Amino acid sequence: MKLYIANTTKQDHDFVYRVPEIDRMFHQPVPSGQQVLVYKEMSTSDVDAIIKQHAQYGLTRVDEIDRRKPFIGMCYSIDKQIPVSKIMYAAEHNDDVLAEQGLEGRKEAAAALSDKLNRESGGSLVDLEVQVIEDKKKGDTTKRFDSTIQVTGNPDKPRRGGRPRKAA
């Protein structure tokens, strides 16, 4: 059997694995957006063992790429090469997932900042707007990042969590 591994991320990956009957680690570099043939010819048990080693880290079977929602780092195929269209689909999917995760992280950070400012000001903060801007470096022509997040609060809303305030 042959095992093909594809890297659908934007970074090169070192695929490190162990074959059960051999007492050493194997190292296979997998460049970004490419695939490699791992360890030429293997038995079914060797292939299963390698897949099991990496499944817990998100190694995905190539025919499951279209059905996965989370980030797809590495995918595999047994006995046939992975179609370039599948690698490209996974890479584009990853861009969308990472953009969504970034937006959610910024929303959570803005909400935490709003909550902190609201506590420190005694509950007088009603609305907060947070703007994140990536400055261009000199000579840079790439699109810069600019995002604004609106946090709307209600000063009459009771606080969540923590210890209640002492009555004066």
Protein backbone atom coordinates (compact mmCIF):
# COMPACT_ATOMS: atom_id res chain seq x y z
CA MET A 1 0.00 0.00 0.00
CA LYS A 2 1.03 3.58 -0.58
CA LEU A 3 0.18 6.49 1.71
CA TYR A 4 -0.01 10.02 0.30
CA ILE A 5 -0.02 12.99 2.69
CA ALA A 6 -0.98 16.53 1.58
CA ASN A 7 -0.33 19.79 3.43
CA THR A 8 -3.24 22.21 3.03
CA THR A 9 -1.77 24.92 5.27
CA LYS A 10 0.36 27.93 4.38
CA GLN A 11 3.37 26.59 6.28
CA ASP A 12 5.71 23.72 5.52
CA HIS A 13 5.11 20.70 7.75
CA ASP A 14 7.40 17.98 9.03
CA PHE A 15 5.44 14.72 9.01
CA VAL A 16 7.02 12.56 11.69
CA TYR A 17 5.82 8.99 12.14
CA ARG A 18 6.79 5.59 13.48
CA VAL A 19 6.34 2.26 11.73
CA PRO A 20 5.40 -0.45 14.28
CA GLU A 21 8.09 -3.05 13.42
CA ILE A 22 10.92 -0.51 13.06
CA ASP A 23 12.47 1.03 16.15
CA ARG A 24 13.03 4.56 14.86
CA MET A 25 11.18 7.71 13.85
CA PHE A 26 10.78 8.72 10.22
CA HIS A 27 10.71 12.32 9.06
CA GLN A 28 9.09 13.47 5.84
CA PRO A 29 8.98 17.20 4.93
CA VAL A 30 5.69 18.23 3.29
CA PRO A 31 5.86 21.67 1.65
CA SER A 32 2.85 23.98 1.83
CA GLY A 33 0.17 23.10 -0.72
CA GLN A 34 1.90 19.90 -1.82
CA GLN A 35 1.72 16.17 -1.22
CA VAL A 36 4.30 13.47 -0.64
CA LEU A 37 4.41 9.71 -0.82
CA VAL A 38 5.21 8.38 2.64
CA TYR A 39 7.44 5.34 3.08
CA LYS A 40 6.85 3.81 -0.40
CA GLU A 41 5.30 0.31 0.04
CA MET A 42 3.76 -0.66 3.39
CA SER A 43 1.42 -3.22 4.84
CA THR A 44 -2.14 -2.32 5.73
CA SER A 45 -1.29 -2.44 9.44
CA ASP A 46 1.62 0.00 8.94
CA VAL A 47 -0.62 2.46 7.07
CA ASP A 48 -3.33 2.15 9.74
CA ALA A 49 -0.76 2.73 12.50
CA ILE A 50 0.59 5.90 10.85
CA ILE A 51 -2.92 7.25 10.26
CA LYS A 52 -3.88 6.49 13.87
CA GLN A 53 -0.78 8.37 15.12
CA HIS A 54 -1.89 11.56 13.33
CA ALA A 55 -5.70 11.28 13.43
CA GLN A 56 -5.77 12.81 16.91
CA TYR A 57 -4.02 15.88 15.47
CA GLY A 58 -6.57 16.38 12.68
CA LEU A 59 -5.25 14.20 9.84
CA THR A 60 -8.27 13.93 7.53
CA ARG A 61 -9.11 11.38 4.87
CA VAL A 62 -9.29 13.11 1.47
CA ASP A 63 -12.89 12.10 0.83
CA GLU A 64 -13.96 13.80 4.10
CA ILE A 65 -12.55 17.22 3.14
CA ASP A 66 -15.85 18.47 1.69
CA ARG A 67 -17.77 17.54 4.85
CA ARG A 68 -15.46 19.03 7.50
CA LYS A 69 -16.11 22.34 9.22
CA PRO A 70 -12.94 22.83 11.27
CA PHE A 71 -9.47 23.69 10.03
CA ILE A 72 -7.94 21.00 7.79
CA GLY A 73 -4.18 20.85 8.28
CA MET A 74 -3.12 17.60 6.67
CA CYS A 75 -5.07 15.07 4.62
CA TYR A 76 -4.26 11.60 3.29
CA SER A 77 -5.14 9.15 0.57
CA ILE A 78 -4.30 5.47 0.28
CA ASP A 79 -2.90 4.11 -2.99
CA LYS A 80 -3.82 7.16 -5.13
CA GLN A 81 -2.54 10.68 -5.27
CA ILE A 82 -4.66 13.45 -3.81
CA PRO A 83 -6.29 15.58 -6.52
CA VAL A 84 -4.95 19.13 -6.66
CA SER A 85 -8.55 20.41 -6.61
CA LYS A 86 -9.05 18.84 -3.16
CA ILE A 87 -5.87 20.45 -1.82
CA MET A 88 -6.95 23.84 -3.20
CA TYR A 89 -10.47 23.46 -1.77
CA ALA A 90 -9.07 22.66 1.69
CA ALA A 91 -6.66 25.62 1.54
CA GLU A 92 -9.50 28.01 0.65
CA HIS A 93 -11.69 26.46 3.33
CA ASN A 94 -8.89 27.03 5.86
CA ASP A 95 -8.71 30.72 4.91
CA ASP A 96 -12.43 31.07 5.66
CA VAL A 97 -12.16 29.18 8.96
CA LEU A 98 -9.20 31.28 10.11
CA ALA A 99 -10.93 34.54 9.15
CA GLU A 100 -14.01 33.48 11.13
CA GLN A 101 -11.90 32.47 14.14
CA GLY A 102 -10.08 35.81 14.00
CA LEU A 103 -13.36 37.73 13.97
CA GLU A 104 -14.68 35.72 16.91
CA GLY A 105 -11.45 36.35 18.84
CA ARG A 106 -11.70 40.10 18.21
CA LYS A 107 -15.36 40.10 19.30
CA GLU A 108 -14.47 38.28 22.53
CA ALA A 109 -11.59 40.67 23.21
CA ALA A 110 -13.84 43.69 22.61
CA ALA A 111 -16.53 42.27 24.90
CA ALA A 112 -13.94 41.61 27.63
CA LEU A 113 -12.57 45.14 27.26
CA SER A 114 -16.08 46.58 27.44
CA ASP A 115 -16.84 44.56 30.57
CA LYS A 116 -13.60 45.64 32.25
CA LEU A 117 -14.14 49.32 31.40
CA ASN A 118 -17.74 49.06 32.57
CA ARG A 119 -16.66 47.62 35.93
CA GLU A 120 -13.93 50.22 36.39
CA SER A 121 -16.25 53.11 35.53
CA GLY A 122 -18.99 51.93 37.85
CA GLY A 123 -21.30 50.80 35.06
CA SER A 124 -21.47 54.07 33.15
CA LEU A 125 -20.24 52.65 29.82
CA VAL A 126 -23.10 51.95 27.41
CA ASP A 127 -21.46 51.38 24.01
CA LEU A 128 -17.91 50.65 22.91
CA GLU A 129 -16.43 50.63 19.42
CA VAL A 130 -13.10 48.88 18.90
CA GLN A 131 -11.22 49.36 15.66
CA VAL A 132 -8.31 47.15 14.65
CA ILE A 133 -6.07 48.53 11.89
CA GLU A 134 -2.95 47.01 10.40
CA ASP A 135 -0.62 49.78 9.29
CA LYS A 136 1.12 49.51 5.96
CA LYS A 137 4.86 49.37 5.98
CA LYS A 138 6.79 51.64 3.67
CA GLY A 139 6.60 50.35 0.10
CA ASP A 140 3.98 47.73 0.98
CA THR A 141 1.22 47.39 -1.62
CA THR A 142 -0.74 44.55 -0.01
CA LYS A 143 -4.24 45.13 1.30
CA ARG A 144 -4.19 46.24 4.91
CA PHE A 145 -6.48 44.90 7.61
CA ASP A 146 -9.20 47.17 8.99
CA SER A 147 -12.00 45.89 11.22
CA THR A 148 -14.45 47.63 13.55
CA ILE A 149 -16.38 45.85 16.29
CA GLN A 150 -19.34 47.41 18.05
CA VAL A 151 -20.12 46.30 21.63
CA THR A 152 -23.47 47.47 22.91
CA GLY A 153 -24.05 47.28 26.62
CA ASN A 154 -26.96 48.02 28.91
CA PRO A 155 -26.04 49.87 32.12
CA ASP A 156 -29.23 48.64 33.82
CA LYS A 157 -28.38 45.01 33.12
CA PRO A 158 -27.13 43.18 36.22
CA ARG A 159 -23.52 42.04 36.23
CA ARG A 160 -22.78 38.42 35.49
CA GLY A 161 -20.50 36.29 37.61
CA GLY A 162 -18.21 37.35 40.37
CA ARG A 163 -19.07 38.36 43.87
CA PRO A 164 -21.97 40.81 44.47
CA ARG A 165 -20.99 44.32 45.50
CA LYS A 166 -21.33 45.33 49.14
CA ALA A 167 -24.13 47.73 49.95
CA ALA A 168 -22.86 51.16 51.03
